[in-house]
Structures are given as structure tokens and as C-alpha cells.
C-alpha atoms as a PDB file:
ATOM      1  CA  UNK A   1      -9.123 -36.490  63.963  1.00  0.00           C
ATOM      2  CA  UNK A   2     -12.571 -36.749  62.403  1.00  0.00           C
ATOM      3  CA  UNK A   3     -14.887 -33.820  63.040  1.00  0.00           C
ATOM      4  CA  UNK A   4     -18.578 -34.738  63.167  1.00  0.00           C
ATOM      5  CA  UNK A   5     -21.365 -32.183  63.504  1.00  0.00           C
ATOM      6  CA  UNK A   6     -25.057 -32.935  63.858  1.00  0.00           C
ATOM      7  CA  UNK A   7     -27.111 -30.709  61.591  1.00  0.00           C
ATOM      8  CA  UNK A   8     -30.905 -30.999  61.740  1.00  0.00           C
ATOM      9  CA  UNK A   9     -30.644 -34.519  63.112  1.00  0.00           C
ATOM     10  CA  UNK A  10     -28.075 -35.802  60.626  1.00  0.00           C
ATOM     11  CA  UNK A  11     -24.325 -36.313  61.026  1.00  0.00           C
ATOM     12  CA  UNK A  12     -22.056 -34.219  58.824  1.00  0.00           C
ATOM     13  CA  UNK A  13     -18.293 -34.681  58.578  1.00  0.00           C
ATOM     14  CA  UNK A  14     -15.900 -31.781  58.144  1.00  0.00           C
ATOM     15  CA  UNK A  15     -14.836 -31.463  54.502  1.00  0.00           C
ATOM     16  CA  UNK A  16     -11.126 -30.856  54.060  1.00  0.00           C
ATOM     17  CA  UNK A  17      -9.028 -30.848  50.912  1.00  0.00           C
ATOM     18  CA  UNK A  18      -6.217 -28.936  49.211  1.00  0.00           C
ATOM     19  CA  UNK A  19      -6.895 -25.702  47.375  1.00  0.00           C
ATOM     20  CA  UNK A  20      -4.438 -23.778  45.205  1.00  0.00           C
ATOM     21  CA  UNK A  21      -3.585 -20.141  44.437  1.00  0.00           C
ATOM     22  CA  UNK A  22      -5.162 -18.952  41.156  1.00  0.00           C
ATOM     23  CA  UNK A  23      -1.970 -19.223  39.080  1.00  0.00           C
ATOM     24  CA  UNK A  24      -1.267 -22.779  40.268  1.00  0.00           C
ATOM     25  CA  UNK A  25      -4.895 -23.789  39.855  1.00  0.00           C
ATOM     26  CA  UNK A  26      -4.857 -22.468  36.292  1.00  0.00           C
ATOM     27  CA  UNK A  27      -1.700 -24.412  35.483  1.00  0.00           C
ATOM     28  CA  UNK A  28      -3.069 -27.588  37.012  1.00  0.00           C
ATOM     29  CA  UNK A  29      -6.305 -27.232  35.059  1.00  0.00           C
ATOM     30  CA  UNK A  30      -4.360 -26.741  31.824  1.00  0.00           C
ATOM     31  CA  UNK A  31      -2.200 -29.785  32.485  1.00  0.00           C
ATOM     32  CA  UNK A  32      -5.279 -31.899  33.211  1.00  0.00           C
ATOM     33  CA  UNK A  33      -7.015 -30.677  30.069  1.00  0.00           C
ATOM     34  CA  UNK A  34      -3.950 -31.441  27.930  1.00  0.00           C
ATOM     35  CA  UNK A  35      -3.728 -34.900  29.458  1.00  0.00           C
ATOM     36  CA  UNK A  36      -7.430 -35.684  29.067  1.00  0.00           C
ATOM     37  CA  UNK A  37      -7.295 -34.437  25.478  1.00  0.00           C
ATOM     38  CA  UNK A  38      -5.051 -37.430  24.702  1.00  0.00           C
ATOM     39  CA  UNK A  39      -7.884 -39.822  25.630  1.00  0.00           C
ATOM     40  CA  UNK A  40      -9.244 -41.614  22.598  1.00  0.00           C
ATOM     41  CA  UNK A  41     -11.762 -44.304  21.858  1.00  0.00           C
ATOM     42  CA  UNK A  42      -9.845 -47.445  20.861  1.00  0.00           C
ATOM     43  CA  UNK A  43     -11.125 -50.510  19.018  1.00  0.00           C
ATOM     44  CA  UNK A  44      -7.864 -52.474  18.836  1.00  0.00           C
ATOM     45  CA  UNK A  45      -7.167 -54.135  22.167  1.00  0.00           C
ATOM     46  CA  UNK A  46      -4.380 -56.311  23.473  1.00  0.00           C
ATOM     47  CA  UNK A  47      -5.410 -59.524  25.214  1.00  0.00           C
ATOM     48  CA  UNK A  48      -2.822 -58.765  27.910  1.00  0.00           C
ATOM     49  CA  UNK A  49      -4.391 -59.544  31.301  1.00  0.00           C
ATOM     50  CA  UNK A  50      -5.562 -56.720  33.545  1.00  0.00           C
ATOM     51  CA  UNK A  51      -5.667 -57.508  37.271  1.00  0.00           C
ATOM     52  CA  UNK A  52      -9.091 -57.717  38.884  1.00  0.00           C
ATOM     53  CA  UNK A  53      -7.903 -55.370  41.633  1.00  0.00           C
ATOM     54  CA  UNK A  54      -7.282 -52.667  39.044  1.00  0.00           C
ATOM     55  CA  UNK A  55     -10.834 -53.028  37.706  1.00  0.00           C
ATOM     56  CA  UNK A  56     -12.164 -52.851  41.260  1.00  0.00           C
ATOM     57  CA  UNK A  57     -10.383 -49.519  41.750  1.00  0.00           C
ATOM     58  CA  UNK A  58     -11.845 -48.169  38.503  1.00  0.00           C
ATOM     59  CA  UNK A  59     -15.341 -49.152  39.583  1.00  0.00           C
ATOM     60  CA  UNK A  60     -14.972 -47.550  43.000  1.00  0.00           C
ATOM     61  CA  UNK A  61     -13.764 -44.344  41.360  1.00  0.00           C
ATOM     62  CA  UNK A  62     -16.837 -44.381  39.123  1.00  0.00           C
ATOM     63  CA  UNK A  63     -19.023 -45.017  42.155  1.00  0.00           C
ATOM     64  CA  UNK A  64     -17.690 -41.848  43.799  1.00  0.00           C
ATOM     65  CA  UNK A  65     -19.690 -39.767  41.301  1.00  0.00           C
ATOM     66  CA  UNK A  66     -22.514 -37.564  42.581  1.00  0.00           C
ATOM     67  CA  UNK A  67     -26.035 -38.938  42.327  1.00  0.00           C
ATOM     68  CA  UNK A  68     -29.579 -37.767  42.968  1.00  0.00           C
ATOM     69  CA  UNK A  69     -30.297 -37.944  46.727  1.00  0.00           C
ATOM     70  CA  UNK A  70     -27.091 -40.020  46.991  1.00  0.00           C
ATOM     71  CA  UNK A  71     -28.994 -43.086  45.791  1.00  0.00           C
ATOM     72  CA  UNK A  72     -26.046 -44.304  43.665  1.00  0.00           C
ATOM     73  CA  UNK A  73     -28.387 -45.931  41.132  1.00  0.00           C
ATOM     74  CA  UNK A  74     -25.866 -48.052  39.289  1.00  0.00           C
ATOM     75  CA  UNK A  75     -24.423 -51.529  39.018  1.00  0.00           C
ATOM     76  CA  UNK A  76     -21.120 -52.253  37.276  1.00  0.00           C
ATOM     77  CA  UNK A  77     -20.986 -55.780  35.843  1.00  0.00           C
ATOM     78  CA  UNK A  78     -17.335 -56.683  35.247  1.00  0.00           C
ATOM     79  CA  UNK A  79     -16.768 -59.663  32.971  1.00  0.00           C
ATOM     80  CA  UNK A  80     -13.576 -61.545  32.182  1.00  0.00           C
ATOM     81  CA  UNK A  81     -15.188 -64.961  31.593  1.00  0.00           C
ATOM     82  CA  UNK A  82     -14.491 -65.920  27.953  1.00  0.00           C
ATOM     83  CA  UNK A  83     -17.755 -67.807  27.523  1.00  0.00           C
ATOM     84  CA  UNK A  84     -19.877 -64.884  28.660  1.00  0.00           C
ATOM     85  CA  UNK A  85     -17.881 -62.447  26.521  1.00  0.00           C
ATOM     86  CA  UNK A  86     -18.432 -64.669  23.498  1.00  0.00           C
ATOM     87  CA  UNK A  87     -22.161 -64.796  24.194  1.00  0.00           C
ATOM     88  CA  UNK A  88     -22.287 -61.021  24.512  1.00  0.00           C
ATOM     89  CA  UNK A  89     -20.381 -60.554  21.264  1.00  0.00           C
ATOM     90  CA  UNK A  90     -22.747 -62.854  19.384  1.00  0.00           C
ATOM     91  CA  UNK A  91     -25.826 -61.016  20.648  1.00  0.00           C
ATOM     92  CA  UNK A  92     -24.312 -57.565  20.152  1.00  0.00           C
ATOM     93  CA  UNK A  93     -23.260 -58.321  16.572  1.00  0.00           C
ATOM     94  CA  UNK A  94     -26.769 -59.486  15.761  1.00  0.00           C
ATOM     95  CA  UNK A  95     -28.224 -56.166  16.919  1.00  0.00           C
ATOM     96  CA  UNK A  96     -25.467 -54.193  15.215  1.00  0.00           C
ATOM     97  CA  UNK A  97     -25.948 -56.050  11.932  1.00  0.00           C
ATOM     98  CA  UNK A  98     -29.636 -55.149  11.985  1.00  0.00           C
ATOM     99  CA  UNK A  99     -28.770 -51.545  12.780  1.00  0.00           C
ATOM    100  CA  UNK A 100     -26.253 -51.193   9.947  1.00  0.00           C
ATOM    101  CA  UNK A 101     -28.605 -52.945   7.544  1.00  0.00           C
ATOM    102  CA  UNK A 102     -31.885 -51.143   8.003  1.00  0.00           C
ATOM    103  CA  UNK A 103     -32.266 -49.414  11.338  1.00  0.00           C
ATOM    104  CA  UNK A 104     -29.809 -46.569  10.805  1.00  0.00           C
ATOM    105  CA  UNK A 105     -30.658 -43.678   8.527  1.00  0.00           C
ATOM    106  CA  UNK A 106     -28.473 -42.867   5.538  1.00  0.00           C
ATOM    107  CA  UNK A 107     -27.325 -39.700   7.308  1.00  0.00           C
ATOM    108  CA  UNK A 108     -26.315 -41.690  10.377  1.00  0.00           C
ATOM    109  CA  UNK A 109     -24.337 -44.181   8.296  1.00  0.00           C
ATOM    110  CA  UNK A 110     -22.619 -41.329   6.459  1.00  0.00           C
ATOM    111  CA  UNK A 111     -21.638 -39.675   9.751  1.00  0.00           C
ATOM    112  CA  UNK A 112     -20.094 -42.968  10.918  1.00  0.00           C
ATOM    113  CA  UNK A 113     -17.989 -43.504   7.804  1.00  0.00           C
ATOM    114  CA  UNK A 114     -14.969 -41.435   8.980  1.00  0.00           C
ATOM    115  CA  UNK A 115     -14.829 -43.573  12.130  1.00  0.00           C
ATOM    116  CA  UNK A 116     -14.563 -46.834  10.198  1.00  0.00           C
ATOM    117  CA  UNK A 117     -17.153 -48.666  12.274  1.00  0.00           C
ATOM    118  CA  UNK A 118     -19.268 -51.619  11.177  1.00  0.00           C
ATOM    119  CA  UNK A 119     -21.254 -54.436  12.785  1.00  0.00           C
ATOM    120  CA  UNK A 120     -18.227 -56.629  13.535  1.00  0.00           C
ATOM    121  CA  UNK A 121     -17.224 -56.321  17.214  1.00  0.00           C
ATOM    122  CA  UNK A 122     -14.198 -58.581  17.861  1.00  0.00           C
ATOM    123  CA  UNK A 123     -13.046 -56.350  20.712  1.00  0.00           C
ATOM    124  CA  UNK A 124     -15.853 -57.772  22.836  1.00  0.00           C
ATOM    125  CA  UNK A 125     -13.862 -60.992  23.101  1.00  0.00           C
ATOM    126  CA  UNK A 126     -10.301 -59.663  22.808  1.00  0.00           C
ATOM    127  CA  UNK A 127     -10.439 -57.044  25.563  1.00  0.00           C
ATOM    128  CA  UNK A 128      -9.651 -58.735  28.889  1.00  0.00           C
ATOM    129  CA  UNK A 129     -12.591 -57.071  30.617  1.00  0.00           C
ATOM    130  CA  UNK A 130     -16.048 -55.851  29.733  1.00  0.00           C
ATOM    131  CA  UNK A 131     -17.573 -53.377  32.164  1.00  0.00           C
ATOM    132  CA  UNK A 132     -21.302 -53.051  31.628  1.00  0.00           C
ATOM    133  CA  UNK A 133     -22.947 -50.158  33.406  1.00  0.00           C
ATOM    134  CA  UNK A 134     -26.535 -50.759  34.458  1.00  0.00           C
ATOM    135  CA  UNK A 135     -28.818 -48.019  35.705  1.00  0.00           C
ATOM    136  CA  UNK A 136     -31.299 -48.763  38.467  1.00  0.00           C
ATOM    137  CA  UNK A 137     -34.658 -47.321  37.474  1.00  0.00           C
ATOM    138  CA  UNK A 138     -35.753 -47.866  41.068  1.00  0.00           C
ATOM    139  CA  UNK A 139     -34.528 -49.697  44.155  1.00  0.00           C
ATOM    140  CA  UNK A 140     -35.790 -53.202  44.832  1.00  0.00           C
ATOM    141  CA  UNK A 141     -35.299 -54.900  48.180  1.00  0.00           C
ATOM    142  CA  UNK A 142     -35.243 -58.627  48.933  1.00  0.00           C
ATOM    143  CA  UNK A 143     -39.008 -58.661  49.507  1.00  0.00           C
ATOM    144  CA  UNK A 144     -39.712 -57.006  46.155  1.00  0.00           C
ATOM    145  CA  UNK A 145     -40.595 -53.607  47.600  1.00  0.00           C
ATOM    146  CA  UNK A 146     -39.827 -50.630  45.363  1.00  0.00           C
ATOM    147  CA  UNK A 147     -38.253 -47.303  46.315  1.00  0.00           C
ATOM    148  CA  UNK A 148     -37.613 -44.257  44.172  1.00  0.00           C
ATOM    149  CA  UNK A 149     -34.327 -43.259  42.605  1.00  0.00           C
ATOM    150  CA  UNK A 150     -33.863 -39.728  41.317  1.00  0.00           C
ATOM    151  CA  UNK A 151     -32.144 -38.268  38.242  1.00  0.00           C
ATOM    152  CA  UNK A 152     -31.077 -41.763  37.260  1.00  0.00           C
ATOM    153  CA  UNK A 153     -29.804 -41.026  33.738  1.00  0.00           C
ATOM    154  CA  UNK A 154     -27.908 -37.956  34.890  1.00  0.00           C
ATOM    155  CA  UNK A 155     -26.353 -39.800  37.844  1.00  0.00           C
ATOM    156  CA  UNK A 156     -25.280 -42.839  35.822  1.00  0.00           C
ATOM    157  CA  UNK A 157     -23.957 -40.599  33.046  1.00  0.00           C
ATOM    158  CA  UNK A 158     -21.739 -38.832  35.578  1.00  0.00           C
ATOM    159  CA  UNK A 159     -20.494 -42.176  36.915  1.00  0.00           C
ATOM    160  CA  UNK A 160     -19.667 -43.313  33.380  1.00  0.00           C
ATOM    161  CA  UNK A 161     -17.624 -40.151  32.871  1.00  0.00           C
ATOM    162  CA  UNK A 162     -15.722 -40.779  36.089  1.00  0.00           C
ATOM    163  CA  UNK A 163     -15.108 -44.350  34.920  1.00  0.00           C
ATOM    164  CA  UNK A 164     -13.662 -43.263  31.569  1.00  0.00           C
ATOM    165  CA  UNK A 165     -11.353 -40.790  33.304  1.00  0.00           C
ATOM    166  CA  UNK A 166     -10.194 -43.483  35.743  1.00  0.00           C
ATOM    167  CA  UNK A 167      -9.520 -45.895  32.870  1.00  0.00           C
ATOM    168  CA  UNK A 168      -7.412 -43.243  31.117  1.00  0.00           C
ATOM    169  CA  UNK A 169      -5.570 -42.463  34.366  1.00  0.00           C
ATOM    170  CA  UNK A 170      -4.649 -46.152  34.757  1.00  0.00           C
ATOM    171  CA  UNK A 171      -3.029 -46.247  31.306  1.00  0.00           C
ATOM    172  CA  UNK A 172      -5.801 -48.398  29.866  1.00  0.00           C
ATOM    173  CA  UNK A 173      -8.153 -47.760  26.968  1.00  0.00           C
ATOM    174  CA  UNK A 174     -11.873 -48.239  26.460  1.00  0.00           C
ATOM    175  CA  UNK A 175     -14.590 -48.118  23.866  1.00  0.00           C
ATOM    176  CA  UNK A 176     -18.033 -46.695  24.617  1.00  0.00           C
ATOM    177  CA  UNK A 177     -20.217 -49.318  22.987  1.00  0.00           C
ATOM    178  CA  UNK A 178     -23.996 -48.927  22.899  1.00  0.00           C
ATOM    179  CA  UNK A 179     -25.618 -51.622  20.760  1.00  0.00           C
ATOM    180  CA  UNK A 180     -29.287 -50.846  20.352  1.00  0.00           C
ATOM    181  CA  UNK A 181     -31.338 -52.352  21.812  1.00  0.00           C
ATOM    182  CA  UNK A 182     -29.241 -53.652  24.722  1.00  0.00           C
ATOM    183  CA  UNK A 183     -31.843 -55.782  26.475  1.00  0.00           C
ATOM    184  CA  UNK A 184     -29.848 -58.921  25.661  1.00  0.00           C
ATOM    185  CA  UNK A 185     -27.347 -57.860  28.341  1.00  0.00           C
ATOM    186  CA  UNK A 186     -30.028 -58.035  31.024  1.00  0.00           C
ATOM    187  CA  UNK A 187     -30.876 -61.568  29.927  1.00  0.00           C
ATOM    188  CA  UNK A 188     -27.309 -62.864  29.558  1.00  0.00           C
ATOM    189  CA  UNK A 189     -26.196 -61.450  32.902  1.00  0.00           C
ATOM    190  CA  UNK A 190     -29.469 -62.307  34.653  1.00  0.00           C
ATOM    191  CA  UNK A 191     -29.922 -58.826  36.056  1.00  0.00           C
ATOM    192  CA  UNK A 192     -32.987 -57.948  38.155  1.00  0.00           C
ATOM    193  CA  UNK A 193     -36.044 -56.208  36.724  1.00  0.00           C
ATOM    194  CA  UNK A 194     -35.114 -52.775  38.094  1.00  0.00           C
ATOM    195  CA  UNK A 195     -31.834 -52.583  36.138  1.00  0.00           C
ATOM    196  CA  UNK A 196     -31.436 -51.349  32.570  1.00  0.00           C
ATOM    197  CA  UNK A 197     -28.220 -51.581  30.497  1.00  0.00           C
ATOM    198  CA  UNK A 198     -26.726 -48.128  30.015  1.00  0.00           C
ATOM    199  CA  UNK A 199     -23.233 -48.583  28.557  1.00  0.00           C
ATOM    200  CA  UNK A 200     -20.903 -51.415  27.524  1.00  0.00           C
ATOM    201  CA  UNK A 201     -17.181 -50.717  27.919  1.00  0.00           C
ATOM    202  CA  UNK A 202     -14.459 -53.068  26.700  1.00  0.00           C
ATOM    203  CA  UNK A 203     -11.431 -52.229  28.847  1.00  0.00           C
ATOM    204  CA  UNK A 204      -7.783 -53.201  28.530  1.00  0.00           C
ATOM    205  CA  UNK A 205      -4.411 -52.269  27.121  1.00  0.00           C
ATOM    206  CA  UNK A 206      -4.177 -51.033  23.544  1.00  0.00           C
ATOM    207  CA  UNK A 207      -2.792 -53.379  20.889  1.00  0.00           C
ATOM    208  CA  UNK A 208       0.880 -52.962  20.001  1.00  0.00           C
ATOM    209  CA  UNK A 209      -0.001 -50.732  17.073  1.00  0.00           C
ATOM    210  CA  UNK A 210      -3.204 -48.729  17.089  1.00  0.00           C
ATOM    211  CA  UNK A 211      -4.509 -46.190  14.628  1.00  0.00           C
ATOM    212  CA  UNK A 212      -7.478 -43.978  15.463  1.00  0.00           C
ATOM    213  CA  UNK A 213      -9.352 -41.495  13.279  1.00  0.00           C
ATOM    214  CA  UNK A 214      -7.646 -38.120  13.033  1.00  0.00           C
ATOM    215  CA  UNK A 215     -10.236 -35.996  14.772  1.00  0.00           C
ATOM    216  CA  UNK A 216     -10.316 -32.528  16.281  1.00  0.00           C
ATOM    217  CA  UNK A 217     -12.450 -31.484  19.199  1.00  0.00           C
ATOM    218  CA  UNK A 218     -14.577 -28.353  19.093  1.00  0.00           C
ATOM    219  CA  UNK A 219     -12.833 -25.195  20.336  1.00  0.00           C
ATOM    220  CA  UNK A 220     -13.913 -23.353  23.460  1.00  0.00           C
ATOM    221  CA  UNK A 221     -16.058 -20.832  21.619  1.00  0.00           C
ATOM    222  CA  UNK A 222     -18.186 -23.648  20.189  1.00  0.00           C
ATOM    223  CA  UNK A 223     -18.795 -25.465  23.464  1.00  0.00           C
ATOM    224  CA  UNK A 224     -19.110 -22.686  26.038  1.00  0.00           C
ATOM    225  CA  UNK A 225     -20.896 -19.386  26.533  1.00  0.00           C
ATOM    226  CA  UNK A 226     -19.677 -17.035  29.241  1.00  0.00           C
ATOM    227  CA  UNK A 227     -21.931 -14.449  30.919  1.00  0.00           C
ATOM    228  CA  UNK A 228     -19.668 -11.914  32.675  1.00  0.00           C
END
């Protein structure tokens, strides 16, 4: 039975979910941390097909993220069309070539060396899906009228985090790709004027054999400060 209560002229639904005793909650949090700590950025994809329905579920999980005033200021463009992927790769590699050959500082290039990256981006065609996250700077109705969105970058960043977690949960891998500038994505995908490209994610299964940089994440004392 759904419980609805009117509060100050607006309908509210009763929020119900499971909670856990402290010891169980601690164990669950540790298990989730250990599992999420296995997530890695992958550049070697299999071309094994991924069902559209799976991608739809990932997108809806991402779209469950909190957003300023519940405006949900995002659009997820999901691409499996080989021609469009090829066009995106060509444009992205052009921008990346310019970045690696003049735009990036020497310090930036040095910091990237352990990751083995360069301007070649074959994964943009190999991965069965590209999910491109667009942020909506403002709302735009059919008549061209504008309406405000709030905390757009924060909201879309949260949705992207949900999306990465959902991808990991489904046994897939992804790469957070941010060619700069990314305006070519707006043009290729013919997105409206109120949308800006935020993140490009190749998504799929990992190749049969994948090696990733041997990295360590910062320990708790370097990422958190507790005030007790």
C-alpha cells in the first residue's frame, strides 16, 4: 500500500527501506568498498555485443542520482552505430593529437606517462557502446523558452559516478574519456543549444587479456578528516 501525505500543498510518499544493525552495516560497507576498489579504468575492450536493455538499465541507474531542485539536468547519448563511433573517434583523435603536441604542459605529460596514454583512441570504435553524458545548462522547451537548472556540474557529476558504479556492477568496464575541447560531440550528435558534453564513456566487456597500470589509491588519512 502506498502512503501519500500532502505537505504544504505537495504530495509526499512514505520512504521505506532496509536498515541494518551497526555491525552488519559496517561489514556491508567494507564488502562494498573492497568490491568497488577492484574497479579500474580499462582501455582494451572486447567487441562482444552488449544488449541495449543492459545499457538502458545503466542509464536509469545514473538518472536516479540526486540533482539540484530535482531538475535532472542530463542527457545520456548511447551510441552503437559504427559510422557515428568512427566519426567520433576521428574528431576526438584530432583534439587529442593537438593536446599531446602543444596544449598540454610538460608536467601534465610527465604525470600521464605511467598511465601509458597517447592520442590514439581505438577503443572509441572497438567498445560496443559509447555513452556520452551531456549536461543541460538550462531547460529549453519546444517553443524555445528557457528555464533555470541548478548545481548542474555537481548534479551531472553525481550521475556520472552512479553510472560508473552501475557499469562495474554489471560486470562491464569503462573509460572516462574527456577530449578537450569536446564541442565536436554536440555537432556530431546534433544536440540542442542548451546541452554541453560532460563525459565520454566507452562501455563494454574487457578484452580477453587486459593489463592496467599498477596503481594504489590514497589511504584514508590522506582523503578524509574527522572532527569528533
